[in-house]
């Protein structure tokens, strides 16, 4: 059945497919979103972030992913119909699982700021 008909009839539907690796990556977080549209906007946001557009603004991302209006993507971020804390915790858990107990070094580059000194910041082991 056509997606437009499913929307009009308020039938449950699967999320629109994007790029296969984005779909695979975002599937890990699918249960955190209350409805299929919010999950699709999550995927569109990731797709826009990895795209080659120069400005990663909401209107530019909406254009590059093919949304007719940036309003829906803006509403997804501004209204938070999902839990940002749960998403952050899931992302951190997934990162820890991928590390498999190995340690890493995180570099933060504040582009435009002059680098002063050679001091390193050590993070606690329980992060």
PDB file of N, CA and C in Angstrom:
ATOM      1  N   UNK A   1       0.847  -1.181   0.000  1.00  0.00           N
ATOM      2  CA  UNK A   1       0.000   0.000   0.000  1.00  0.00           C
ATOM      3  C   UNK A   1       0.885   1.235   0.000  1.00  0.00           C
ATOM      4  N   UNK A   2       0.467   2.265  -0.685  1.00  0.00           N
ATOM      5  CA  UNK A   2       1.201   3.518  -0.787  1.00  0.00           C
ATOM      6  C   UNK A   2       1.343   4.180   0.591  1.00  0.00           C
ATOM      7  N   UNK A   3       2.512   4.759   0.856  1.00  0.00           N
ATOM      8  CA  UNK A   3       2.775   5.402   2.145  1.00  0.00           C
ATOM      9  C   UNK A   3       1.782   6.537   2.399  1.00  0.00           C
ATOM     10  N   UNK A   4       1.475   7.326   1.369  1.00  0.00           N
ATOM     11  CA  UNK A   4       0.520   8.425   1.514  1.00  0.00           C
ATOM     12  C   UNK A   4      -0.851   7.943   1.962  1.00  0.00           C
ATOM     13  N   UNK A   5      -1.299   6.829   1.419  1.00  0.00           N
ATOM     14  CA  UNK A   5      -2.594   6.243   1.803  1.00  0.00           C
ATOM     15  C   UNK A   5      -2.528   5.760   3.249  1.00  0.00           C
ATOM     16  N   UNK A   6      -1.412   5.133   3.626  1.00  0.00           N
ATOM     17  CA  UNK A   6      -1.260   4.666   5.007  1.00  0.00           C
ATOM     18  C   UNK A   6      -1.329   5.833   5.992  1.00  0.00           C
ATOM     19  N   UNK A   7      -0.703   6.952   5.640  1.00  0.00           N
ATOM     20  CA  UNK A   7      -0.728   8.132   6.509  1.00  0.00           C
ATOM     21  C   UNK A   7      -2.145   8.653   6.637  1.00  0.00           C
ATOM     22  N   UNK A   8      -2.841   8.785   5.505  1.00  0.00           N
ATOM     23  CA  UNK A   8      -4.209   9.291   5.523  1.00  0.00           C
ATOM     24  C   UNK A   8      -5.148   8.392   6.323  1.00  0.00           C
ATOM     25  N   UNK A   9      -4.937   7.107   6.269  1.00  0.00           N
ATOM     26  CA  UNK A   9      -5.795   6.161   6.987  1.00  0.00           C
ATOM     27  C   UNK A   9      -5.296   5.886   8.405  1.00  0.00           C
ATOM     28  N   UNK A  10      -4.216   6.573   8.823  1.00  0.00           N
ATOM     29  CA  UNK A  10      -3.618   6.390  10.152  1.00  0.00           C
ATOM     30  C   UNK A  10      -3.232   4.929  10.416  1.00  0.00           C
ATOM     31  N   UNK A  11      -2.775   4.259   9.384  1.00  0.00           N
ATOM     32  CA  UNK A  11      -2.324   2.889   9.536  1.00  0.00           C
ATOM     33  C   UNK A  11      -0.856   2.884   9.963  1.00  0.00           C
ATOM     34  N   UNK A  12      -0.478   1.872  10.722  1.00  0.00           N
ATOM     35  CA  UNK A  12       0.933   1.782  11.087  1.00  0.00           C
ATOM     36  C   UNK A  12       1.728   1.450   9.837  1.00  0.00           C
ATOM     37  N   UNK A  13       2.941   1.955   9.788  1.00  0.00           N
ATOM     38  CA  UNK A  13       3.777   1.734   8.620  1.00  0.00           C
ATOM     39  C   UNK A  13       5.225   1.651   9.052  1.00  0.00           C
ATOM     40  N   UNK A  14       6.059   1.145   8.176  1.00  0.00           N
ATOM     41  CA  UNK A  14       7.487   1.123   8.421  1.00  0.00           C
ATOM     42  C   UNK A  14       8.076   2.468   8.023  1.00  0.00           C
ATOM     43  N   UNK A  15       9.204   2.792   8.607  1.00  0.00           N
ATOM     44  CA  UNK A  15       9.886   4.040   8.274  1.00  0.00           C
ATOM     45  C   UNK A  15      10.386   3.997   6.836  1.00  0.00           C
ATOM     46  N   UNK A  16      10.395   5.163   6.196  1.00  0.00           N
ATOM     47  CA  UNK A  16      10.942   5.278   4.855  1.00  0.00           C
ATOM     48  C   UNK A  16      12.424   4.906   4.893  1.00  0.00           C
ATOM     49  N   UNK A  17      12.877   4.181   3.927  1.00  0.00           N
ATOM     50  CA  UNK A  17      14.293   3.810   3.856  1.00  0.00           C
ATOM     51  C   UNK A  17      15.112   5.011   3.390  1.00  0.00           C
ATOM     52  N   UNK A  18      16.334   5.109   3.918  1.00  0.00           N
ATOM     53  CA  UNK A  18      17.272   6.137   3.467  1.00  0.00           C
ATOM     54  C   UNK A  18      18.469   5.410   2.871  1.00  0.00           C
ATOM     55  N   UNK A  19      19.644   5.703   3.331  1.00  0.00           N
ATOM     56  CA  UNK A  19      20.858   5.007   2.909  1.00  0.00           C
ATOM     57  C   UNK A  19      21.012   3.803   3.832  1.00  0.00           C
ATOM     58  N   UNK A  20      21.413   2.667   3.293  1.00  0.00           N
ATOM     59  CA  UNK A  20      21.396   1.425   4.069  1.00  0.00           C
ATOM     60  C   UNK A  20      22.203   1.509   5.372  1.00  0.00           C
ATOM     61  N   UNK A  21      23.381   2.124   5.368  1.00  0.00           N
ATOM     62  CA  UNK A  21      24.148   2.158   6.601  1.00  0.00           C
ATOM     63  C   UNK A  21      23.545   3.108   7.631  1.00  0.00           C
ATOM     64  N   UNK A  22      22.841   4.156   7.173  1.00  0.00           N
ATOM     65  CA  UNK A  22      22.124   5.040   8.104  1.00  0.00           C
ATOM     66  C   UNK A  22      20.958   4.278   8.711  1.00  0.00           C
ATOM     67  N   UNK A  23      20.210   3.553   7.883  1.00  0.00           N
ATOM     68  CA  UNK A  23      19.090   2.758   8.381  1.00  0.00           C
ATOM     69  C   UNK A  23      19.572   1.730   9.402  1.00  0.00           C
ATOM     70  N   UNK A  24      20.676   1.082   9.106  1.00  0.00           N
ATOM     71  CA  UNK A  24      21.218   0.066  10.013  1.00  0.00           C
ATOM     72  C   UNK A  24      21.673   0.699  11.330  1.00  0.00           C
ATOM     73  N   UNK A  25      22.390   1.819  11.244  1.00  0.00           N
ATOM     74  CA  UNK A  25      22.861   2.507  12.442  1.00  0.00           C
ATOM     75  C   UNK A  25      21.690   2.999  13.296  1.00  0.00           C
ATOM     76  N   UNK A  26      20.735   3.656  12.671  1.00  0.00           N
ATOM     77  CA  UNK A  26      19.617   4.254  13.403  1.00  0.00           C
ATOM     78  C   UNK A  26      18.651   3.214  13.960  1.00  0.00           C
ATOM     79  N   UNK A  27      18.615   2.028  13.378  1.00  0.00           N
ATOM     80  CA  UNK A  27      17.720   0.975  13.857  1.00  0.00           C
ATOM     81  C   UNK A  27      17.971   0.637  15.332  1.00  0.00           C
ATOM     82  N   UNK A  28      19.197   0.804  15.768  1.00  0.00           N
ATOM     83  CA  UNK A  28      19.570   0.549  17.168  1.00  0.00           C
ATOM     84  C   UNK A  28      18.798   1.458  18.133  1.00  0.00           C
ATOM     85  N   UNK A  29      18.364   2.612  17.641  1.00  0.00           N
ATOM     86  CA  UNK A  29      17.679   3.609  18.473  1.00  0.00           C
ATOM     87  C   UNK A  29      16.171   3.687  18.207  1.00  0.00           C
ATOM     88  N   UNK A  30      15.678   2.863  17.318  1.00  0.00           N
ATOM     89  CA  UNK A  30      14.295   2.953  16.847  1.00  0.00           C
ATOM     90  C   UNK A  30      13.260   2.931  17.974  1.00  0.00           C
ATOM     91  N   UNK A  31      13.463   2.098  18.979  1.00  0.00           N
ATOM     92  CA  UNK A  31      12.472   1.973  20.050  1.00  0.00           C
ATOM     93  C   UNK A  31      12.385   3.213  20.940  1.00  0.00           C
ATOM     94  N   UNK A  32      13.302   4.151  20.800  1.00  0.00           N
ATOM     95  CA  UNK A  32      13.279   5.369  21.617  1.00  0.00           C
ATOM     96  C   UNK A  32      12.308   6.419  21.077  1.00  0.00           C
ATOM     97  N   UNK A  33      11.793   6.198  19.895  1.00  0.00           N
ATOM     98  CA  UNK A  33      10.921   7.185  19.263  1.00  0.00           C
ATOM     99  C   UNK A  33       9.472   6.703  19.283  1.00  0.00           C
ATOM    100  N   UNK A  34       8.553   7.579  19.704  1.00  0.00           N
ATOM    101  CA  UNK A  34       7.168   7.168  19.916  1.00  0.00           C
ATOM    102  C   UNK A  34       6.383   6.862  18.650  1.00  0.00           C
ATOM    103  N   UNK A  35       6.798   7.409  17.531  1.00  0.00           N
ATOM    104  CA  UNK A  35       6.072   7.146  16.291  1.00  0.00           C
ATOM    105  C   UNK A  35       7.042   7.109  15.117  1.00  0.00           C
ATOM    106  N   UNK A  36       6.595   6.572  14.029  1.00  0.00           N
ATOM    107  CA  UNK A  36       7.455   6.355  12.875  1.00  0.00           C
ATOM    108  C   UNK A  36       7.994   7.673  12.312  1.00  0.00           C
ATOM    109  N   UNK A  37       7.206   8.738  12.350  1.00  0.00           N
ATOM    110  CA  UNK A  37       7.675  10.018  11.797  1.00  0.00           C
ATOM    111  C   UNK A  37       8.857  10.585  12.575  1.00  0.00           C
ATOM    112  N   UNK A  38       8.814  10.483  13.912  1.00  0.00           N
ATOM    113  CA  UNK A  38       9.945  11.003  14.686  1.00  0.00           C
ATOM    114  C   UNK A  38      11.197  10.180  14.415  1.00  0.00           C
ATOM    115  N   UNK A  39      11.035   8.885  14.229  1.00  0.00           N
ATOM    116  CA  UNK A  39      12.163   8.033  13.887  1.00  0.00           C
ATOM    117  C   UNK A  39      12.727   8.408  12.514  1.00  0.00           C
ATOM    118  N   UNK A  40      11.859   8.710  11.559  1.00  0.00           N
ATOM    119  CA  UNK A  40      12.319   9.135  10.237  1.00  0.00           C
ATOM    120  C   UNK A  40      13.099  10.446  10.322  1.00  0.00           C
ATOM    121  N   UNK A  41      12.622  11.390  11.115  1.00  0.00           N
ATOM    122  CA  UNK A  41      13.335  12.661  11.257  1.00  0.00           C
ATOM    123  C   UNK A  41      14.701  12.444  11.891  1.00  0.00           C
ATOM    124  N   UNK A  42      14.793  11.500  12.819  1.00  0.00           N
ATOM    125  CA  UNK A  42      16.079  11.147  13.421  1.00  0.00           C
ATOM    126  C   UNK A  42      17.036  10.662  12.328  1.00  0.00           C
ATOM    127  N   UNK A  43      16.543   9.798  11.449  1.00  0.00           N
ATOM    128  CA  UNK A  43      17.369   9.290  10.354  1.00  0.00           C
ATOM    129  C   UNK A  43      17.744  10.410   9.391  1.00  0.00           C
ATOM    130  N   UNK A  44      16.798  11.291   9.091  1.00  0.00           N
ATOM    131  CA  UNK A  44      17.085  12.411   8.191  1.00  0.00           C
ATOM    132  C   UNK A  44      18.150  13.330   8.775  1.00  0.00           C
ATOM    133  N   UNK A  45      18.084  13.543  10.072  1.00  0.00           N
ATOM    134  CA  UNK A  45      19.069  14.390  10.729  1.00  0.00           C
ATOM    135  C   UNK A  45      20.470  13.795  10.593  1.00  0.00           C
ATOM    136  N   UNK A  46      20.602  12.498  10.850  1.00  0.00           N
ATOM    137  CA  UNK A  46      21.901  11.839  10.682  1.00  0.00           C
ATOM    138  C   UNK A  46      22.364  11.893   9.233  1.00  0.00           C
ATOM    139  N   UNK A  47      21.460  11.686   8.321  1.00  0.00           N
ATOM    140  CA  UNK A  47      21.802  11.734   6.905  1.00  0.00           C
ATOM    141  C   UNK A  47      22.311  13.125   6.529  1.00  0.00           C
ATOM    142  N   UNK A  48      21.662  14.152   7.023  1.00  0.00           N
ATOM    143  CA  UNK A  48      22.091  15.524   6.751  1.00  0.00           C
ATOM    144  C   UNK A  48      23.440  15.843   7.370  1.00  0.00           C
ATOM    145  N   UNK A  49      23.684  15.328   8.566  1.00  0.00           N
ATOM    146  CA  UNK A  49      24.945  15.604   9.249  1.00  0.00           C
ATOM    147  C   UNK A  49      26.129  15.005   8.492  1.00  0.00           C
ATOM    148  N   UNK A  50      25.959  13.832   7.909  1.00  0.00           N
ATOM    149  CA  UNK A  50      27.085  13.220   7.186  1.00  0.00           C
ATOM    150  C   UNK A  50      27.160  13.666   5.732  1.00  0.00           C
ATOM    151  N   UNK A  51      26.186  14.444   5.280  1.00  0.00           N
ATOM    152  CA  UNK A  51      26.203  14.897   3.886  1.00  0.00           C
ATOM    153  C   UNK A  51      27.326  15.909   3.667  1.00  0.00           C
ATOM    154  N   UNK A  52      27.577  16.229   2.422  1.00  0.00           N
ATOM    155  CA  UNK A  52      28.672  17.136   2.079  1.00  0.00           C
ATOM    156  C   UNK A  52      28.249  18.602   2.044  1.00  0.00           C
ATOM    157  N   UNK A  53      27.064  18.930   2.553  1.00  0.00           N
ATOM    158  CA  UNK A  53      26.653  20.333   2.547  1.00  0.00           C
ATOM    159  C   UNK A  53      27.561  21.135   3.466  1.00  0.00           C
ATOM    160  N   UNK A  54      27.776  22.391   3.088  1.00  0.00           N
ATOM    161  CA  UNK A  54      28.703  23.244   3.834  1.00  0.00           C
ATOM    162  C   UNK A  54      28.118  23.663   5.179  1.00  0.00           C
ATOM    163  N   UNK A  55      26.865  24.104   5.171  1.00  0.00           N
ATOM    164  CA  UNK A  55      26.211  24.540   6.415  1.00  0.00           C
ATOM    165  C   UNK A  55      25.294  23.432   6.899  1.00  0.00           C
ATOM    166  N   UNK A  56      25.482  23.014   8.118  1.00  0.00           N
ATOM    167  CA  UNK A  56      24.678  21.924   8.679  1.00  0.00           C
ATOM    168  C   UNK A  56      23.503  22.498   9.482  1.00  0.00           C
ATOM    169  N   UNK A  57      22.784  23.433   8.895  1.00  0.00           N
ATOM    170  CA  UNK A  57      21.624  24.031   9.554  1.00  0.00           C
ATOM    171  C   UNK A  57      20.384  23.183   9.267  1.00  0.00           C
ATOM    172  N   UNK A  58      19.350  23.377  10.049  1.00  0.00           N
ATOM    173  CA  UNK A  58      18.112  22.614   9.860  1.00  0.00           C
ATOM    174  C   UNK A  58      17.527  22.838   8.461  1.00  0.00           C
ATOM    175  N   UNK A  59      17.424  24.096   7.984  1.00  0.00           N
ATOM    176  CA  UNK A  59      16.880  24.276   6.632  1.00  0.00           C
ATOM    177  C   UNK A  59      17.724  23.602   5.549  1.00  0.00           C
ATOM    178  N   UNK A  60      19.040  23.659   5.678  1.00  0.00           N
ATOM    179  CA  UNK A  60      19.909  23.026   4.681  1.00  0.00           C
ATOM    180  C   UNK A  60      19.801  21.508   4.728  1.00  0.00           C
ATOM    181  N   UNK A  61      19.743  20.963   5.942  1.00  0.00           N
ATOM    182  CA  UNK A  61      19.585  19.512   6.070  1.00  0.00           C
ATOM    183  C   UNK A  61      18.246  19.079   5.486  1.00  0.00           C
ATOM    184  N   UNK A  62      17.195  19.842   5.762  1.00  0.00           N
ATOM    185  CA  UNK A  62      15.873  19.508   5.219  1.00  0.00           C
ATOM    186  C   UNK A  62      15.901  19.479   3.698  1.00  0.00           C
ATOM    187  N   UNK A  63      16.601  20.437   3.097  1.00  0.00           N
ATOM    188  CA  UNK A  63      16.702  20.460   1.628  1.00  0.00           C
ATOM    189  C   UNK A  63      17.429  19.232   1.095  1.00  0.00           C
ATOM    190  N   UNK A  64      18.569  18.925   1.701  1.00  0.00           N
ATOM    191  CA  UNK A  64      19.407  17.850   1.169  1.00  0.00           C
ATOM    192  C   UNK A  64      18.768  16.471   1.345  1.00  0.00           C
ATOM    193  N   UNK A  65      17.936  16.299   2.375  1.00  0.00           N
ATOM    194  CA  UNK A  65      17.298  14.992   2.569  1.00  0.00           C
ATOM    195  C   UNK A  65      15.944  14.900   1.870  1.00  0.00           C
ATOM    196  N   UNK A  66      15.511  16.000   1.256  1.00  0.00           N
ATOM    197  CA  UNK A  66      14.301  15.973   0.442  1.00  0.00           C
ATOM    198  C   UNK A  66      13.007  16.294   1.165  1.00  0.00           C
ATOM    199  N   UNK A  67      13.083  16.929   2.325  1.00  0.00           N
ATOM    200  CA  UNK A  67      11.858  17.336   3.013  1.00  0.00           C
ATOM    201  C   UNK A  67      11.304  18.594   2.347  1.00  0.00           C
ATOM    202  N   UNK A  68       9.992  18.709   2.267  1.00  0.00           N
ATOM    203  CA  UNK A  68       9.374  19.867   1.628  1.00  0.00           C
ATOM    204  C   UNK A  68       9.528  21.117   2.479  1.00  0.00           C
ATOM    205  N   UNK A  69       9.593  20.927   3.785  1.00  0.00           N
ATOM    206  CA  UNK A  69       9.710  22.055   4.695  1.00  0.00           C
ATOM    207  C   UNK A  69      10.635  21.680   5.846  1.00  0.00           C
ATOM    208  N   UNK A  70      11.380  22.662   6.327  1.00  0.00           N
ATOM    209  CA  UNK A  70      12.266  22.435   7.465  1.00  0.00           C
ATOM    210  C   UNK A  70      11.489  22.436   8.777  1.00  0.00           C
ATOM    211  N   UNK A  71      10.229  22.854   8.731  1.00  0.00           N
ATOM    212  CA  UNK A  71       9.428  22.977   9.945  1.00  0.00           C
ATOM    213  C   UNK A  71       9.303  21.663  10.703  1.00  0.00           C
ATOM    214  N   UNK A  72       9.094  20.572   9.999  1.00  0.00           N
ATOM    215  CA  UNK A  72       8.926  19.280  10.670  1.00  0.00           C
ATOM    216  C   UNK A  72      10.216  18.836  11.351  1.00  0.00           C
ATOM    217  N   UNK A  73      11.345  19.070  10.717  1.00  0.00           N
ATOM    218  CA  UNK A  73      12.634  18.729  11.318  1.00  0.00           C
ATOM    219  C   UNK A  73      12.916  19.636  12.513  1.00  0.00           C
ATOM    220  N   UNK A  74      12.562  20.909  12.377  1.00  0.00           N
ATOM    221  CA  UNK A  74      12.716  21.844  13.497  1.00  0.00           C
ATOM    222  C   UNK A  74      11.855  21.404  14.682  1.00  0.00           C
ATOM    223  N   UNK A  75      10.622  21.015  14.419  1.00  0.00           N
ATOM    224  CA  UNK A  75       9.719  20.566  15.479  1.00  0.00           C
ATOM    225  C   UNK A  75      10.268  19.316  16.161  1.00  0.00           C
ATOM    226  N   UNK A  76      10.862  18.409  15.398  1.00  0.00           N
ATOM    227  CA  UNK A  76      11.461  17.195  15.952  1.00  0.00           C
ATOM    228  C   UNK A  76      12.528  17.549  16.994  1.00  0.00           C
ATOM    229  N   UNK A  77      13.323  18.564  16.696  1.00  0.00           N
ATOM    230  CA  UNK A  77      14.395  18.955  17.614  1.00  0.00           C
ATOM    231  C   UNK A  77      13.873  19.839  18.744  1.00  0.00           C
ATOM    232  N   UNK A  78      13.020  20.797  18.437  1.00  0.00           N
ATOM    233  CA  UNK A  78      12.558  21.766  19.432  1.00  0.00           C
ATOM    234  C   UNK A  78      11.559  21.186  20.428  1.00  0.00           C
ATOM    235  N   UNK A  79      10.649  20.346  19.968  1.00  0.00           N
ATOM    236  CA  UNK A  79       9.591  19.828  20.843  1.00  0.00           C
ATOM    237  C   UNK A  79      10.013  18.574  21.598  1.00  0.00           C
ATOM    238  N   UNK A  80      11.053  17.920  21.132  1.00  0.00           N
ATOM    239  CA  UNK A  80      11.558  16.695  21.750  1.00  0.00           C
ATOM    240  C   UNK A  80      10.454  15.700  22.100  1.00  0.00           C
ATOM    241  N   UNK A  81       9.788  15.131  21.099  1.00  0.00           N
ATOM    242  CA  UNK A  81       8.788  14.106  21.387  1.00  0.00           C
ATOM    243  C   UNK A  81       9.446  12.765  21.725  1.00  0.00           C
ATOM    244  N   UNK A  82      10.685  12.818  22.202  1.00  0.00           N
ATOM    245  CA  UNK A  82      11.487  11.649  22.546  1.00  0.00           C
ATOM    246  C   UNK A  82      12.429  12.084  23.654  1.00  0.00           C
ATOM    247  N   UNK A  83      13.083  11.164  24.295  1.00  0.00           N
ATOM    248  CA  UNK A  83      13.961  11.472  25.424  1.00  0.00           C
ATOM    249  C   UNK A  83      15.415  11.621  24.972  1.00  0.00           C
ATOM    250  N   UNK A  84      15.917  12.831  25.050  1.00  0.00           N
ATOM    251  CA  UNK A  84      17.321  13.079  24.682  1.00  0.00           C
ATOM    252  C   UNK A  84      18.263  12.346  25.628  1.00  0.00           C
ATOM    253  N   UNK A  85      17.890  12.233  26.895  1.00  0.00           N
ATOM    254  CA  UNK A  85      18.728  11.537  27.871  1.00  0.00           C
ATOM    255  C   UNK A  85      18.836  10.056  27.533  1.00  0.00           C
ATOM    256  N   UNK A  86      17.717   9.434  27.187  1.00  0.00           N
ATOM    257  CA  UNK A  86      17.750   8.017  26.810  1.00  0.00           C
ATOM    258  C   UNK A  86      18.585   7.809  25.556  1.00  0.00           C
ATOM    259  N   UNK A  87      18.471   8.727  24.599  1.00  0.00           N
ATOM    260  CA  UNK A  87      19.253   8.626  23.376  1.00  0.00           C
ATOM    261  C   UNK A  87      20.745   8.743  23.686  1.00  0.00           C
ATOM    262  N   UNK A  88      21.106   9.710  24.523  1.00  0.00           N
ATOM    263  CA  UNK A  88      22.511   9.893  24.894  1.00  0.00           C
ATOM    264  C   UNK A  88      23.050   8.666  25.614  1.00  0.00           C
ATOM    265  N   UNK A  89      22.288   8.146  26.556  1.00  0.00           N
ATOM    266  CA  UNK A  89      22.722   6.961  27.303  1.00  0.00           C
ATOM    267  C   UNK A  89      22.885   5.749  26.383  1.00  0.00           C
ATOM    268  N   UNK A  90      21.968   5.580  25.446  1.00  0.00           N
ATOM    269  CA  UNK A  90      22.050   4.462  24.502  1.00  0.00           C
ATOM    270  C   UNK A  90      23.291   4.617  23.623  1.00  0.00           C
ATOM    271  N   UNK A  91      23.551   5.846  23.165  1.00  0.00           N
ATOM    272  CA  UNK A  91      24.720   6.093  22.314  1.00  0.00           C
ATOM    273  C   UNK A  91      26.011   5.800  23.065  1.00  0.00           C
ATOM    274  N   UNK A  92      26.085   6.225  24.338  1.00  0.00           N
ATOM    275  CA  UNK A  92      27.279   5.963  25.140  1.00  0.00           C
ATOM    276  C   UNK A  92      27.446   4.468  25.416  1.00  0.00           C
ATOM    277  N   UNK A  93      26.355   3.790  25.699  1.00  0.00           N
ATOM    278  CA  UNK A  93      26.411   2.345  25.923  1.00  0.00           C
ATOM    279  C   UNK A  93      26.909   1.626  24.671  1.00  0.00           C
ATOM    280  N   UNK A  94      26.403   2.036  23.537  1.00  0.00           N
ATOM    281  CA  UNK A  94      26.830   1.410  22.278  1.00  0.00           C
ATOM    282  C   UNK A  94      28.315   1.665  22.007  1.00  0.00           C
ATOM    283  N   UNK A  95      28.781   2.861  22.345  1.00  0.00           N
ATOM    284  CA  UNK A  95      30.202   3.181  22.171  1.00  0.00           C
ATOM    285  C   UNK A  95      31.052   2.298  23.069  1.00  0.00           C
ATOM    286  N   UNK A  96      30.631   2.131  24.323  1.00  0.00           N
ATOM    287  CA  UNK A  96      31.377   1.278  25.254  1.00  0.00           C
ATOM    288  C   UNK A  96      31.390  -0.176  24.785  1.00  0.00           C
ATOM    289  N   UNK A  97      30.268  -0.648  24.250  1.00  0.00           N
ATOM    290  CA  UNK A  97      30.213  -2.012  23.722  1.00  0.00           C
ATOM    291  C   UNK A  97      31.172  -2.178  22.550  1.00  0.00           C
ATOM    292  N   UNK A  98      31.239  -1.166  21.697  1.00  0.00           N
ATOM    293  CA  UNK A  98      32.122  -1.247  20.526  1.00  0.00           C
ATOM    294  C   UNK A  98      33.591  -1.227  20.935  1.00  0.00           C
ATOM    295  N   UNK A  99      33.895  -0.552  22.035  1.00  0.00           N
ATOM    296  CA  UNK A  99      35.291  -0.480  22.498  1.00  0.00           C
ATOM    297  C   UNK A  99      35.779  -1.791  23.094  1.00  0.00           C
ATOM    298  N   UNK A 100      34.863  -2.618  23.551  1.00  0.00           N
ATOM    299  CA  UNK A 100      35.179  -3.924  24.136  1.00  0.00           C
ATOM    300  C   UNK A 100      36.262  -3.836  25.214  1.00  0.00           C
ATOM    301  N   UNK A 101      36.192  -2.809  26.051  1.00  0.00           N
ATOM    302  CA  UNK A 101      37.138  -2.659  27.159  1.00  0.00           C
ATOM    303  C   UNK A 101      38.428  -1.958  26.792  1.00  0.00           C
ATOM    304  N   UNK A 102      38.644  -1.652  25.531  1.00  0.00           N
ATOM    305  CA  UNK A 102      39.853  -0.940  25.115  1.00  0.00           C
ATOM    306  C   UNK A 102      39.749   0.532  25.495  1.00  0.00           C
ATOM    307  N   UNK A 103      40.862   1.149  25.800  1.00  0.00           N
ATOM    308  CA  UNK A 103      40.842   2.578  26.119  1.00  0.00           C
ATOM    309  C   UNK A 103      41.040   3.384  24.837  1.00  0.00           C
ATOM    310  N   UNK A 104      40.584   4.620  24.871  1.00  0.00           N
ATOM    311  CA  UNK A 104      40.727   5.506  23.718  1.00  0.00           C
ATOM    312  C   UNK A 104      41.187   6.874  24.203  1.00  0.00           C
ATOM    313  N   UNK A 105      41.648   7.679  23.288  1.00  0.00           N
ATOM    314  CA  UNK A 105      41.982   9.069  23.565  1.00  0.00           C
ATOM    315  C   UNK A 105      41.019   9.932  22.774  1.00  0.00           C
ATOM    316  N   UNK A 106      40.384  10.879  23.440  1.00  0.00           N
ATOM    317  CA  UNK A 106      39.444  11.771  22.778  1.00  0.00           C
ATOM    318  C   UNK A 106      40.118  13.122  22.611  1.00  0.00           C
ATOM    319  N   UNK A 107      40.126  13.626  21.393  1.00  0.00           N
ATOM    320  CA  UNK A 107      40.686  14.935  21.102  1.00  0.00           C
ATOM    321  C   UNK A 107      39.542  15.883  20.787  1.00  0.00           C
ATOM    322  N   UNK A 108      39.537  17.032  21.438  1.00  0.00           N
ATOM    323  CA  UNK A 108      38.512  18.039  21.186  1.00  0.00           C
ATOM    324  C   UNK A 108      39.192  19.211  20.498  1.00  0.00           C
ATOM    325  N   UNK A 109      38.778  19.482  19.280  1.00  0.00           N
ATOM    326  CA  UNK A 109      39.362  20.568  18.510  1.00  0.00           C
ATOM    327  C   UNK A 109      38.352  21.699  18.440  1.00  0.00           C
ATOM    328  N   UNK A 110      38.628  22.753  19.163  1.00  0.00           N
ATOM    329  CA  UNK A 110      37.760  23.929  19.121  1.00  0.00           C
ATOM    330  C   UNK A 110      38.285  24.831  18.015  1.00  0.00           C
ATOM    331  N   UNK A 111      37.819  24.575  16.820  1.00  0.00           N
ATOM    332  CA  UNK A 111      38.307  25.285  15.647  1.00  0.00           C
ATOM    333  C   UNK A 111      38.187  26.783  15.847  1.00  0.00           C
ATOM    334  N   UNK A 112      39.270  27.467  15.564  1.00  0.00           N
ATOM    335  CA  UNK A 112      39.290  28.916  15.709  1.00  0.00           C
ATOM    336  C   UNK A 112      39.950  29.366  16.989  1.00  0.00           C
ATOM    337  N   UNK A 113      40.045  28.499  17.972  1.00  0.00           N
ATOM    338  CA  UNK A 113      40.700  28.857  19.224  1.00  0.00           C
ATOM    339  C   UNK A 113      42.171  28.491  19.132  1.00  0.00           C
ATOM    340  N   UNK A 114      43.011  29.397  19.590  1.00  0.00           N
ATOM    341  CA  UNK A 114      44.435  29.097  19.608  1.00  0.00           C
ATOM    342  C   UNK A 114      44.705  28.035  20.661  1.00  0.00           C
ATOM    343  N   UNK A 115      45.585  27.138  20.342  1.00  0.00           N
ATOM    344  CA  UNK A 115      45.962  26.088  21.282  1.00  0.00           C
ATOM    345  C   UNK A 115      47.034  26.628  22.217  1.00  0.00           C
ATOM    346  N   UNK A 116      46.812  26.449  23.506  1.00  0.00           N
ATOM    347  CA  UNK A 116      47.759  26.926  24.501  1.00  0.00           C
ATOM    348  C   UNK A 116      48.259  25.746  25.310  1.00  0.00           C
ATOM    349  N   UNK A 117      49.545  25.549  25.327  1.00  0.00           N
ATOM    350  CA  UNK A 117      50.122  24.491  26.139  1.00  0.00           C
ATOM    351  C   UNK A 117      49.941  23.120  25.527  1.00  0.00           C
ATOM    352  N   UNK A 118      50.423  22.135  26.288  1.00  0.00           N
ATOM    353  CA  UNK A 118      50.363  20.744  25.829  1.00  0.00           C
ATOM    354  C   UNK A 118      49.703  19.856  26.869  1.00  0.00           C
ATOM    355  N   UNK A 119      48.884  20.446  27.709  1.00  0.00           N
ATOM    356  CA  UNK A 119      48.238  19.712  28.792  1.00  0.00           C
ATOM    357  C   UNK A 119      47.147  18.790  28.247  1.00  0.00           C
ATOM    358  N   UNK A 120      47.047  17.597  28.820  1.00  0.00           N
ATOM    359  CA  UNK A 120      46.001  16.647  28.453  1.00  0.00           C
ATOM    360  C   UNK A 120      45.001  16.543  29.584  1.00  0.00           C
ATOM    361  N   UNK A 121      43.765  16.370  29.232  1.00  0.00           N
ATOM    362  CA  UNK A 121      42.716  16.192  30.241  1.00  0.00           C
ATOM    363  C   UNK A 121      42.435  14.717  30.334  1.00  0.00           C
ATOM    364  N   UNK A 122      42.527  14.179  31.533  1.00  0.00           N
ATOM    365  CA  UNK A 122      42.267  12.757  31.740  1.00  0.00           C
ATOM    366  C   UNK A 122      40.840  12.591  32.257  1.00  0.00           C
ATOM    367  N   UNK A 123      40.080  11.753  31.614  1.00  0.00           N
ATOM    368  CA  UNK A 123      38.706  11.476  32.027  1.00  0.00           C
ATOM    369  C   UNK A 123      38.697  10.304  32.982  1.00  0.00           C
ATOM    370  N   UNK A 124      37.744  10.282  33.930  1.00  0.00           N
ATOM    371  CA  UNK A 124      37.640   9.135  34.829  1.00  0.00           C
ATOM    372  C   UNK A 124      37.324   7.852  34.070  1.00  0.00           C
ATOM    373  N   UNK A 125      37.707   6.720  34.637  1.00  0.00           N
ATOM    374  CA  UNK A 125      37.485   5.434  33.980  1.00  0.00           C
ATOM    375  C   UNK A 125      36.011   5.050  33.881  1.00  0.00           C
ATOM    376  N   UNK A 126      35.165   5.616  34.722  1.00  0.00           N
ATOM    377  CA  UNK A 126      33.758   5.181  34.769  1.00  0.00           C
ATOM    378  C   UNK A 126      32.865   5.934  33.779  1.00  0.00           C
ATOM    379  N   UNK A 127      33.423   6.667  32.842  1.00  0.00           N
ATOM    380  CA  UNK A 127      32.594   7.379  31.863  1.00  0.00           C
ATOM    381  C   UNK A 127      32.271   6.461  30.714  1.00  0.00           C
TER     382      UNK A 127
END
